[in-house]
N, C-alpha and C. Protein backbone atom coordinates (compact mmCIF):
# COMPACT_ATOMS: atom_id res chain seq x y z
N UNK A 1 0.85 -1.18 0.00
CA UNK A 1 0.00 0.00 0.00
C UNK A 1 0.89 1.23 0.00
N UNK A 2 0.60 2.18 -0.85
CA UNK A 2 1.42 3.37 -0.92
C UNK A 2 1.23 4.21 0.35
N UNK A 3 2.18 5.09 0.58
CA UNK A 3 2.12 5.94 1.77
C UNK A 3 0.83 6.77 1.80
N UNK A 4 0.44 7.31 0.64
CA UNK A 4 -0.78 8.12 0.60
C UNK A 4 -2.02 7.28 0.88
N UNK A 5 -2.05 6.05 0.37
CA UNK A 5 -3.18 5.16 0.63
C UNK A 5 -3.23 4.78 2.11
N UNK A 6 -2.08 4.57 2.71
CA UNK A 6 -2.01 4.27 4.14
C UNK A 6 -2.55 5.45 4.94
N UNK A 7 -2.13 6.66 4.57
CA UNK A 7 -2.61 7.87 5.25
C UNK A 7 -4.12 8.01 5.08
N UNK A 8 -4.62 7.73 3.88
CA UNK A 8 -6.06 7.80 3.63
C UNK A 8 -6.80 6.78 4.49
N UNK A 9 -6.31 5.55 4.57
CA UNK A 9 -6.94 4.53 5.40
C UNK A 9 -6.97 4.91 6.87
N UNK A 10 -5.89 5.48 7.36
CA UNK A 10 -5.84 5.90 8.77
C UNK A 10 -6.80 7.06 9.02
N UNK A 11 -6.90 7.97 8.06
CA UNK A 11 -7.82 9.09 8.20
C UNK A 11 -9.27 8.60 8.15
N UNK A 12 -9.55 7.63 7.28
CA UNK A 12 -10.89 7.04 7.23
C UNK A 12 -11.23 6.42 8.58
N UNK A 13 -10.28 5.69 9.17
CA UNK A 13 -10.50 5.09 10.49
C UNK A 13 -10.79 6.15 11.53
N UNK A 14 -10.01 7.21 11.53
CA UNK A 14 -10.21 8.28 12.49
C UNK A 14 -11.61 8.88 12.35
N UNK A 15 -12.01 9.12 11.10
CA UNK A 15 -13.31 9.74 10.84
C UNK A 15 -14.48 8.82 11.16
N UNK A 16 -14.33 7.53 10.88
CA UNK A 16 -15.46 6.61 11.03
C UNK A 16 -15.46 5.83 12.35
N UNK A 17 -14.33 5.80 13.06
CA UNK A 17 -14.26 5.03 14.30
C UNK A 17 -14.13 5.88 15.55
N UNK A 18 -13.44 7.01 15.42
CA UNK A 18 -13.05 7.72 16.64
C UNK A 18 -13.54 9.16 16.76
N UNK A 19 -13.54 9.91 15.69
CA UNK A 19 -13.86 11.34 15.81
C UNK A 19 -14.68 11.85 14.62
N UNK A 20 -15.83 11.27 14.35
CA UNK A 20 -16.61 11.74 13.20
C UNK A 20 -16.99 13.21 13.30
N UNK A 21 -17.16 13.73 14.51
CA UNK A 21 -17.55 15.12 14.70
C UNK A 21 -16.48 16.08 14.18
N UNK A 22 -15.21 15.67 14.22
CA UNK A 22 -14.15 16.52 13.70
C UNK A 22 -14.22 16.67 12.18
N UNK A 23 -14.91 15.75 11.55
CA UNK A 23 -15.06 15.75 10.08
C UNK A 23 -16.47 16.17 9.68
N UNK A 24 -17.24 16.63 10.66
CA UNK A 24 -18.63 17.03 10.46
C UNK A 24 -19.48 15.89 9.89
N UNK A 25 -19.24 14.68 10.43
CA UNK A 25 -19.99 13.50 10.03
C UNK A 25 -20.90 13.07 11.16
N UNK A 26 -22.05 12.55 10.81
CA UNK A 26 -22.99 12.02 11.80
C UNK A 26 -23.23 10.55 11.48
N UNK A 27 -22.68 9.67 12.33
CA UNK A 27 -22.89 8.24 12.15
C UNK A 27 -24.32 7.89 12.54
N UNK A 28 -24.96 6.99 11.79
CA UNK A 28 -26.27 6.52 12.23
C UNK A 28 -26.07 5.45 13.30
N UNK A 29 -27.15 4.84 13.78
CA UNK A 29 -27.05 3.90 14.90
C UNK A 29 -26.24 2.65 14.58
N UNK A 30 -26.02 2.33 13.31
CA UNK A 30 -25.16 1.21 12.93
C UNK A 30 -23.78 1.68 12.43
N UNK A 31 -23.51 2.97 12.55
CA UNK A 31 -22.20 3.50 12.18
C UNK A 31 -22.04 3.91 10.73
N UNK A 32 -23.12 3.95 9.97
CA UNK A 32 -23.05 4.31 8.55
C UNK A 32 -23.09 5.82 8.34
N UNK A 33 -22.41 6.26 7.28
CA UNK A 33 -22.53 7.62 6.76
C UNK A 33 -22.58 7.52 5.24
N UNK A 34 -23.21 8.48 4.57
CA UNK A 34 -23.18 8.46 3.11
C UNK A 34 -21.74 8.55 2.60
N UNK A 35 -21.43 7.77 1.58
CA UNK A 35 -20.08 7.79 0.99
C UNK A 35 -19.73 9.21 0.57
N UNK A 36 -20.66 9.90 -0.04
CA UNK A 36 -20.38 11.25 -0.52
C UNK A 36 -20.05 12.20 0.64
N UNK A 37 -20.69 12.01 1.79
CA UNK A 37 -20.38 12.86 2.96
C UNK A 37 -18.95 12.61 3.42
N UNK A 38 -18.53 11.34 3.44
CA UNK A 38 -17.15 11.04 3.82
C UNK A 38 -16.18 11.62 2.80
N UNK A 39 -16.46 11.45 1.53
CA UNK A 39 -15.59 12.00 0.49
C UNK A 39 -15.44 13.52 0.64
N UNK A 40 -16.54 14.22 0.87
CA UNK A 40 -16.48 15.67 1.05
C UNK A 40 -15.63 16.03 2.27
N UNK A 41 -15.80 15.28 3.35
CA UNK A 41 -15.02 15.54 4.56
C UNK A 41 -13.53 15.31 4.31
N UNK A 42 -13.20 14.24 3.61
CA UNK A 42 -11.79 13.94 3.33
C UNK A 42 -11.19 14.96 2.37
N UNK A 43 -11.98 15.40 1.41
CA UNK A 43 -11.50 16.44 0.47
C UNK A 43 -11.17 17.74 1.21
N UNK A 44 -12.01 18.08 2.20
CA UNK A 44 -11.76 19.29 3.01
C UNK A 44 -10.54 19.09 3.91
N UNK A 45 -10.32 17.86 4.35
CA UNK A 45 -9.27 17.57 5.32
C UNK A 45 -7.86 17.75 4.75
N UNK A 46 -7.65 17.33 3.51
CA UNK A 46 -6.32 17.42 2.91
C UNK A 46 -6.45 17.98 1.50
N UNK A 47 -5.71 19.01 1.23
CA UNK A 47 -5.76 19.66 -0.07
C UNK A 47 -5.47 18.69 -1.22
N UNK A 48 -4.50 17.78 -1.00
CA UNK A 48 -4.15 16.85 -2.08
C UNK A 48 -5.23 15.80 -2.34
N UNK A 49 -6.25 15.75 -1.50
CA UNK A 49 -7.37 14.83 -1.72
C UNK A 49 -8.57 15.54 -2.36
N UNK A 50 -8.35 16.68 -2.95
CA UNK A 50 -9.44 17.47 -3.54
C UNK A 50 -10.22 16.71 -4.61
N UNK A 51 -9.57 15.78 -5.27
CA UNK A 51 -10.22 15.01 -6.34
C UNK A 51 -10.54 13.57 -5.93
N UNK A 52 -10.56 13.32 -4.64
CA UNK A 52 -10.82 11.98 -4.13
C UNK A 52 -12.16 11.45 -4.64
N UNK A 53 -12.18 10.18 -5.03
CA UNK A 53 -13.39 9.54 -5.55
C UNK A 53 -13.68 8.26 -4.77
N UNK A 54 -14.88 7.74 -4.93
CA UNK A 54 -15.27 6.50 -4.26
C UNK A 54 -14.31 5.36 -4.62
N UNK A 55 -13.81 5.35 -5.84
CA UNK A 55 -12.86 4.32 -6.26
C UNK A 55 -11.61 4.32 -5.38
N UNK A 56 -11.21 5.49 -4.88
CA UNK A 56 -10.06 5.57 -3.98
C UNK A 56 -10.35 4.87 -2.66
N UNK A 57 -11.58 5.00 -2.16
CA UNK A 57 -11.96 4.31 -0.92
C UNK A 57 -11.93 2.80 -1.14
N UNK A 58 -12.43 2.36 -2.30
CA UNK A 58 -12.40 0.93 -2.64
C UNK A 58 -10.96 0.43 -2.74
N UNK A 59 -10.08 1.25 -3.28
CA UNK A 59 -8.67 0.86 -3.40
C UNK A 59 -8.04 0.68 -2.03
N UNK A 60 -8.34 1.57 -1.09
CA UNK A 60 -7.83 1.43 0.28
C UNK A 60 -8.32 0.12 0.87
N UNK A 61 -9.61 -0.15 0.69
CA UNK A 61 -10.20 -1.38 1.25
C UNK A 61 -9.59 -2.63 0.61
N UNK A 62 -9.38 -2.61 -0.69
CA UNK A 62 -8.86 -3.78 -1.40
C UNK A 62 -7.41 -4.07 -1.04
N UNK A 63 -6.64 -3.04 -0.73
CA UNK A 63 -5.21 -3.22 -0.46
C UNK A 63 -4.86 -3.31 1.02
N UNK A 64 -5.86 -3.24 1.89
CA UNK A 64 -5.61 -3.28 3.34
C UNK A 64 -5.31 -4.70 3.80
N UNK A 65 -4.52 -4.80 4.86
CA UNK A 65 -4.22 -6.12 5.42
C UNK A 65 -5.39 -6.70 6.19
N UNK A 66 -6.31 -5.85 6.63
CA UNK A 66 -7.51 -6.30 7.35
C UNK A 66 -8.73 -5.61 6.75
N UNK A 67 -9.83 -6.30 6.80
CA UNK A 67 -11.10 -5.72 6.35
C UNK A 67 -11.63 -4.84 7.47
N UNK A 68 -11.55 -3.50 7.29
CA UNK A 68 -11.95 -2.56 8.34
C UNK A 68 -13.22 -1.77 7.99
N UNK A 69 -13.56 -1.71 6.71
CA UNK A 69 -14.68 -0.90 6.26
C UNK A 69 -15.59 -1.73 5.35
N UNK A 70 -16.82 -1.27 5.24
CA UNK A 70 -17.70 -1.84 4.23
C UNK A 70 -18.52 -0.72 3.61
N UNK A 71 -18.81 -0.90 2.32
CA UNK A 71 -19.63 0.05 1.57
C UNK A 71 -20.85 -0.72 1.07
N UNK A 72 -22.04 -0.13 1.32
CA UNK A 72 -23.28 -0.76 0.88
C UNK A 72 -24.34 0.31 0.67
N UNK A 73 -25.04 0.22 -0.43
CA UNK A 73 -26.17 1.12 -0.72
C UNK A 73 -25.80 2.60 -0.59
N UNK A 74 -24.61 2.96 -1.08
CA UNK A 74 -24.21 4.36 -1.06
C UNK A 74 -23.72 4.86 0.29
N UNK A 75 -23.51 3.92 1.23
CA UNK A 75 -23.03 4.31 2.56
C UNK A 75 -21.77 3.52 2.90
N UNK A 76 -21.00 4.05 3.85
CA UNK A 76 -19.76 3.42 4.30
C UNK A 76 -19.74 3.42 5.82
N UNK A 77 -19.10 2.39 6.39
CA UNK A 77 -18.89 2.37 7.84
C UNK A 77 -17.64 1.58 8.17
N UNK A 78 -17.10 1.87 9.35
CA UNK A 78 -16.05 1.05 9.92
C UNK A 78 -16.74 -0.17 10.52
N UNK A 79 -16.16 -1.33 10.34
CA UNK A 79 -16.81 -2.56 10.79
C UNK A 79 -16.67 -2.73 12.30
N UNK A 80 -15.55 -2.33 12.88
CA UNK A 80 -15.31 -2.51 14.31
C UNK A 80 -14.29 -1.49 14.78
N UNK A 81 -14.05 -1.45 16.10
CA UNK A 81 -13.02 -0.60 16.66
C UNK A 81 -13.46 0.80 17.04
N UNK A 82 -14.75 1.01 17.15
CA UNK A 82 -15.26 2.34 17.45
C UNK A 82 -14.97 2.76 18.89
N UNK A 83 -14.65 4.03 19.05
CA UNK A 83 -14.49 4.60 20.39
C UNK A 83 -15.40 5.81 20.56
N UNK A 84 -16.34 6.00 19.64
CA UNK A 84 -17.28 7.11 19.76
C UNK A 84 -18.21 6.87 20.94
N UNK A 85 -18.80 7.95 21.46
CA UNK A 85 -19.62 7.88 22.66
C UNK A 85 -20.88 7.04 22.47
N UNK A 86 -21.61 7.25 21.40
CA UNK A 86 -22.85 6.51 21.16
C UNK A 86 -22.51 5.12 20.63
N UNK A 87 -22.98 4.10 21.31
CA UNK A 87 -22.65 2.73 20.95
C UNK A 87 -23.27 2.35 19.61
N UNK A 88 -22.45 1.73 18.76
CA UNK A 88 -22.90 1.26 17.45
C UNK A 88 -23.67 -0.05 17.67
N UNK A 89 -24.90 -0.10 17.18
CA UNK A 89 -25.74 -1.28 17.36
C UNK A 89 -25.26 -2.42 16.47
N UNK A 90 -25.31 -3.62 17.01
CA UNK A 90 -24.90 -4.82 16.30
C UNK A 90 -25.96 -5.90 16.49
N UNK A 91 -26.04 -6.80 15.54
CA UNK A 91 -26.94 -7.95 15.65
C UNK A 91 -26.15 -9.13 16.19
N UNK A 92 -26.59 -9.74 17.29
CA UNK A 92 -25.88 -10.91 17.84
C UNK A 92 -25.96 -12.09 16.86
N UNK A 93 -24.87 -12.84 16.81
CA UNK A 93 -24.81 -14.06 16.01
C UNK A 93 -24.11 -15.15 16.81
N UNK A 94 -24.32 -16.39 16.42
CA UNK A 94 -23.70 -17.51 17.11
C UNK A 94 -22.21 -17.55 16.76
N UNK A 95 -21.34 -17.52 17.77
CA UNK A 95 -19.90 -17.52 17.51
C UNK A 95 -19.37 -18.95 17.32
N UNK A 96 -18.13 -19.07 16.87
CA UNK A 96 -17.49 -20.39 16.85
C UNK A 96 -17.27 -20.86 18.29
N UNK A 97 -16.95 -22.11 18.45
CA UNK A 97 -16.76 -22.67 19.79
C UNK A 97 -15.68 -21.93 20.57
N UNK A 98 -14.58 -21.62 19.91
CA UNK A 98 -13.44 -20.99 20.58
C UNK A 98 -13.04 -19.73 19.83
N UNK A 99 -12.79 -18.67 20.58
CA UNK A 99 -12.19 -17.45 20.06
C UNK A 99 -10.95 -17.16 20.89
N UNK A 100 -10.14 -16.19 20.48
CA UNK A 100 -8.87 -15.91 21.16
C UNK A 100 -8.72 -14.41 21.39
N UNK A 101 -7.87 -14.08 22.36
CA UNK A 101 -7.58 -12.68 22.66
C UNK A 101 -6.11 -12.58 23.01
N UNK A 102 -5.38 -11.73 22.28
CA UNK A 102 -3.97 -11.50 22.56
C UNK A 102 -3.80 -10.28 23.44
N UNK A 103 -2.99 -10.41 24.48
CA UNK A 103 -2.82 -9.31 25.43
C UNK A 103 -1.43 -9.35 26.05
N UNK A 104 -1.16 -8.41 26.93
CA UNK A 104 0.12 -8.37 27.63
C UNK A 104 0.07 -9.31 28.84
N UNK A 105 1.23 -9.75 29.32
CA UNK A 105 1.24 -10.60 30.53
C UNK A 105 0.58 -9.91 31.73
N UNK A 106 0.80 -8.60 31.88
CA UNK A 106 0.22 -7.87 33.00
C UNK A 106 -1.30 -7.83 32.90
N UNK A 107 -1.81 -7.53 31.72
CA UNK A 107 -3.26 -7.45 31.53
C UNK A 107 -3.90 -8.82 31.70
N UNK A 108 -3.20 -9.88 31.30
CA UNK A 108 -3.76 -11.24 31.40
C UNK A 108 -4.11 -11.59 32.84
N UNK A 109 -3.30 -11.14 33.78
CA UNK A 109 -3.56 -11.41 35.20
C UNK A 109 -4.90 -10.79 35.61
N UNK A 110 -5.11 -9.54 35.25
CA UNK A 110 -6.35 -8.84 35.57
C UNK A 110 -7.55 -9.46 34.84
N UNK A 111 -7.36 -9.80 33.58
CA UNK A 111 -8.44 -10.38 32.78
C UNK A 111 -8.90 -11.71 33.37
N UNK A 112 -7.97 -12.51 33.85
CA UNK A 112 -8.34 -13.82 34.41
C UNK A 112 -9.21 -13.70 35.66
N UNK A 113 -9.13 -12.56 36.36
CA UNK A 113 -9.95 -12.37 37.55
C UNK A 113 -11.17 -11.49 37.30
N UNK A 114 -11.06 -10.51 36.39
CA UNK A 114 -12.14 -9.55 36.17
C UNK A 114 -12.88 -9.72 34.85
N UNK A 115 -12.34 -10.56 33.97
CA UNK A 115 -12.95 -10.75 32.66
C UNK A 115 -12.43 -9.75 31.65
N UNK A 116 -12.87 -9.93 30.41
CA UNK A 116 -12.47 -9.03 29.33
C UNK A 116 -13.47 -7.90 29.23
N UNK A 117 -12.96 -6.67 29.32
CA UNK A 117 -13.78 -5.47 29.24
C UNK A 117 -13.39 -4.69 27.98
N UNK A 118 -14.30 -3.90 27.43
CA UNK A 118 -13.97 -3.17 26.21
C UNK A 118 -12.97 -2.03 26.39
N UNK A 119 -12.70 -1.61 27.60
CA UNK A 119 -11.77 -0.53 27.90
C UNK A 119 -12.20 0.75 27.15
N UNK A 120 -11.35 1.31 26.27
CA UNK A 120 -11.72 2.56 25.58
C UNK A 120 -12.52 2.31 24.30
N UNK A 121 -12.81 1.08 24.01
CA UNK A 121 -13.59 0.72 22.82
C UNK A 121 -15.03 0.41 23.22
N UNK A 122 -15.87 0.22 22.23
CA UNK A 122 -17.27 -0.11 22.51
C UNK A 122 -17.45 -1.60 22.80
N UNK A 123 -16.59 -2.41 22.25
CA UNK A 123 -16.70 -3.86 22.39
C UNK A 123 -15.34 -4.46 22.68
N UNK A 124 -15.36 -5.64 23.28
CA UNK A 124 -14.16 -6.45 23.43
C UNK A 124 -13.86 -7.02 22.05
N UNK A 125 -12.60 -6.99 21.65
CA UNK A 125 -12.19 -7.54 20.35
C UNK A 125 -11.58 -8.93 20.56
N UNK A 126 -12.09 -9.89 19.81
CA UNK A 126 -11.63 -11.26 19.88
C UNK A 126 -11.20 -11.70 18.49
N UNK A 127 -10.30 -12.67 18.44
CA UNK A 127 -9.78 -13.16 17.16
C UNK A 127 -10.33 -14.54 16.85
N UNK A 128 -10.53 -14.80 15.58
CA UNK A 128 -11.03 -16.09 15.13
C UNK A 128 -9.95 -17.16 15.16
N UNK A 129 -8.67 -16.74 15.16
CA UNK A 129 -7.58 -17.73 15.15
C UNK A 129 -6.42 -17.23 16.01
N UNK A 130 -5.57 -18.15 16.38
CA UNK A 130 -4.44 -17.85 17.26
C UNK A 130 -3.48 -16.86 16.59
N UNK A 131 -3.23 -17.03 15.30
CA UNK A 131 -2.28 -16.17 14.60
C UNK A 131 -2.69 -14.70 14.67
N UNK A 132 -3.98 -14.43 14.46
CA UNK A 132 -4.46 -13.05 14.54
C UNK A 132 -4.34 -12.52 15.97
N UNK A 133 -4.63 -13.37 16.95
CA UNK A 133 -4.51 -12.97 18.36
C UNK A 133 -3.06 -12.63 18.69
N UNK A 134 -2.13 -13.39 18.16
CA UNK A 134 -0.71 -13.10 18.39
C UNK A 134 -0.34 -11.74 17.80
N UNK A 135 -0.75 -11.49 16.56
CA UNK A 135 -0.47 -10.20 15.93
C UNK A 135 -1.08 -9.05 16.73
N UNK A 136 -2.29 -9.24 17.21
CA UNK A 136 -2.95 -8.21 18.02
C UNK A 136 -2.18 -7.99 19.32
N UNK A 137 -1.81 -9.05 20.00
CA UNK A 137 -1.06 -8.94 21.25
C UNK A 137 0.29 -8.28 21.06
N UNK A 138 0.92 -8.51 19.92
CA UNK A 138 2.25 -7.94 19.65
C UNK A 138 2.22 -6.43 19.44
N UNK A 139 1.03 -5.85 19.32
CA UNK A 139 0.96 -4.39 19.22
C UNK A 139 1.39 -3.74 20.53
N UNK A 140 1.26 -4.49 21.64
CA UNK A 140 1.57 -3.92 22.96
C UNK A 140 2.74 -4.59 23.68
N UNK A 141 3.16 -5.76 23.20
CA UNK A 141 4.24 -6.47 23.86
C UNK A 141 4.91 -7.43 22.89
N UNK A 142 6.18 -7.73 23.14
CA UNK A 142 6.89 -8.71 22.32
C UNK A 142 6.55 -10.14 22.72
N UNK A 143 5.96 -10.29 23.92
CA UNK A 143 5.62 -11.62 24.43
C UNK A 143 4.14 -11.67 24.80
N UNK A 144 3.25 -11.69 23.80
CA UNK A 144 1.82 -11.69 24.11
C UNK A 144 1.35 -12.98 24.77
N UNK A 145 0.35 -12.84 25.61
CA UNK A 145 -0.33 -13.98 26.20
C UNK A 145 -1.60 -14.18 25.37
N UNK A 146 -1.84 -15.41 24.96
CA UNK A 146 -3.02 -15.71 24.16
C UNK A 146 -4.05 -16.39 25.06
N UNK A 147 -5.19 -15.73 25.21
CA UNK A 147 -6.28 -16.26 26.03
C UNK A 147 -7.28 -16.97 25.13
N UNK A 148 -7.76 -18.10 25.62
CA UNK A 148 -8.73 -18.90 24.89
C UNK A 148 -10.11 -18.62 25.48
N UNK A 149 -11.06 -18.27 24.62
CA UNK A 149 -12.40 -17.89 25.05
C UNK A 149 -13.39 -18.98 24.63
N UNK A 150 -14.12 -19.53 25.59
CA UNK A 150 -15.16 -20.53 25.31
C UNK A 150 -16.40 -19.77 24.84
N UNK A 151 -16.35 -19.29 23.61
CA UNK A 151 -17.37 -18.38 23.08
C UNK A 151 -18.73 -19.05 22.93
N UNK A 152 -18.77 -20.23 22.37
CA UNK A 152 -20.05 -20.89 22.16
C UNK A 152 -20.72 -21.22 23.49
N UNK A 153 -19.94 -21.66 24.45
CA UNK A 153 -20.49 -21.94 25.79
C UNK A 153 -21.03 -20.65 26.41
N UNK A 154 -20.28 -19.56 26.30
CA UNK A 154 -20.73 -18.27 26.84
C UNK A 154 -22.01 -17.82 26.13
N UNK A 155 -22.05 -18.02 24.82
CA UNK A 155 -23.24 -17.66 24.03
C UNK A 155 -24.45 -18.46 24.51
N UNK A 156 -24.25 -19.74 24.76
CA UNK A 156 -25.35 -20.60 25.25
C UNK A 156 -25.85 -20.17 26.62
N UNK A 157 -24.99 -19.45 27.36
CA UNK A 157 -25.38 -18.93 28.67
C UNK A 157 -25.85 -17.48 28.60
N UNK A 158 -26.12 -17.00 27.39
CA UNK A 158 -26.75 -15.68 27.24
C UNK A 158 -25.86 -14.53 26.84
N UNK A 159 -24.56 -14.73 26.67
CA UNK A 159 -23.68 -13.64 26.26
C UNK A 159 -23.81 -13.41 24.76
N UNK A 160 -23.84 -12.16 24.37
CA UNK A 160 -23.98 -11.81 22.96
C UNK A 160 -22.59 -11.67 22.31
N UNK A 161 -22.48 -12.20 21.11
CA UNK A 161 -21.28 -12.05 20.28
C UNK A 161 -21.71 -11.48 18.94
N UNK A 162 -20.80 -10.69 18.35
CA UNK A 162 -21.11 -10.02 17.10
C UNK A 162 -19.94 -10.23 16.13
N UNK A 163 -20.26 -10.42 14.88
CA UNK A 163 -19.22 -10.60 13.87
C UNK A 163 -18.69 -9.24 13.44
N UNK A 164 -17.38 -9.04 13.59
CA UNK A 164 -16.74 -7.82 13.12
C UNK A 164 -16.39 -7.99 11.65
N UNK A 165 -15.51 -8.94 11.37
CA UNK A 165 -15.19 -9.37 10.01
C UNK A 165 -14.75 -10.82 10.08
N UNK A 166 -14.10 -11.35 9.05
CA UNK A 166 -13.76 -12.77 9.06
C UNK A 166 -12.71 -13.12 10.11
N UNK A 167 -12.00 -12.15 10.66
CA UNK A 167 -10.98 -12.41 11.67
C UNK A 167 -11.31 -11.84 13.04
N UNK A 168 -12.22 -10.90 13.10
CA UNK A 168 -12.51 -10.19 14.35
C UNK A 168 -13.95 -10.45 14.80
N UNK A 169 -14.10 -10.85 16.05
CA UNK A 169 -15.40 -11.00 16.70
C UNK A 169 -15.47 -9.99 17.82
N UNK A 170 -16.68 -9.59 18.19
CA UNK A 170 -16.90 -8.59 19.22
C UNK A 170 -17.81 -9.14 20.30
N UNK A 171 -17.63 -8.63 21.51
CA UNK A 171 -18.51 -8.98 22.63
C UNK A 171 -18.60 -7.76 23.54
N UNK A 172 -19.69 -7.68 24.29
CA UNK A 172 -19.84 -6.57 25.24
C UNK A 172 -18.90 -6.75 26.43
N UNK A 173 -18.74 -7.99 26.87
CA UNK A 173 -17.95 -8.34 28.05
C UNK A 173 -17.80 -9.85 28.03
N UNK A 174 -16.67 -10.36 28.50
CA UNK A 174 -16.49 -11.81 28.64
C UNK A 174 -16.09 -12.08 30.09
N UNK A 175 -16.97 -12.73 30.86
CA UNK A 175 -16.65 -13.06 32.25
C UNK A 175 -15.47 -14.03 32.35
N UNK A 176 -14.75 -14.02 33.47
CA UNK A 176 -13.55 -14.83 33.60
C UNK A 176 -13.78 -16.34 33.50
N UNK A 177 -14.97 -16.84 33.83
CA UNK A 177 -15.19 -18.28 33.79
C UNK A 177 -15.13 -18.86 32.37
N UNK A 178 -15.17 -17.99 31.34
CA UNK A 178 -15.09 -18.46 29.95
C UNK A 178 -13.68 -18.26 29.35
N UNK A 179 -12.73 -17.88 30.18
CA UNK A 179 -11.39 -17.52 29.71
C UNK A 179 -10.36 -18.48 30.31
N UNK A 180 -9.52 -19.06 29.43
CA UNK A 180 -8.39 -19.87 29.91
C UNK A 180 -7.12 -19.41 29.21
């Protein structure tokens, strides 16, 4: 991905996940905004993006290492990772039997007693496979601890899980009894 495409992807994340108000965007209850509204905001944000088109957004999405955005019916949204005040509504779905969470050794101690909390995010982020959990954990430490989540069992006991993308699952909270 070129440097400009990387910058565009990061700016899209900032606008759609963390600070839509800074871009004069109003997310709906599922986090959607009109594509044209995002394009106008991005064009105002950087002079060199004055001619930005929807195809450029698709190019960012196609060349990204993770699926972070989706475009549908003339609207765009970030799939997960929101830190905006108003919670983005999600539809619960049945998770796989096991999910994973990569974290630091220090945080793992707290998680084992208090459970997984969303912290500054709207949802707890879980990984569909160990490899993704390791990569996630390595963002904060060279020696991540990989926690195993009994997701299907937790779901059967009433906990809601939501699909972020093919690698990321979301939950409101995961109690410690489902974590090993």
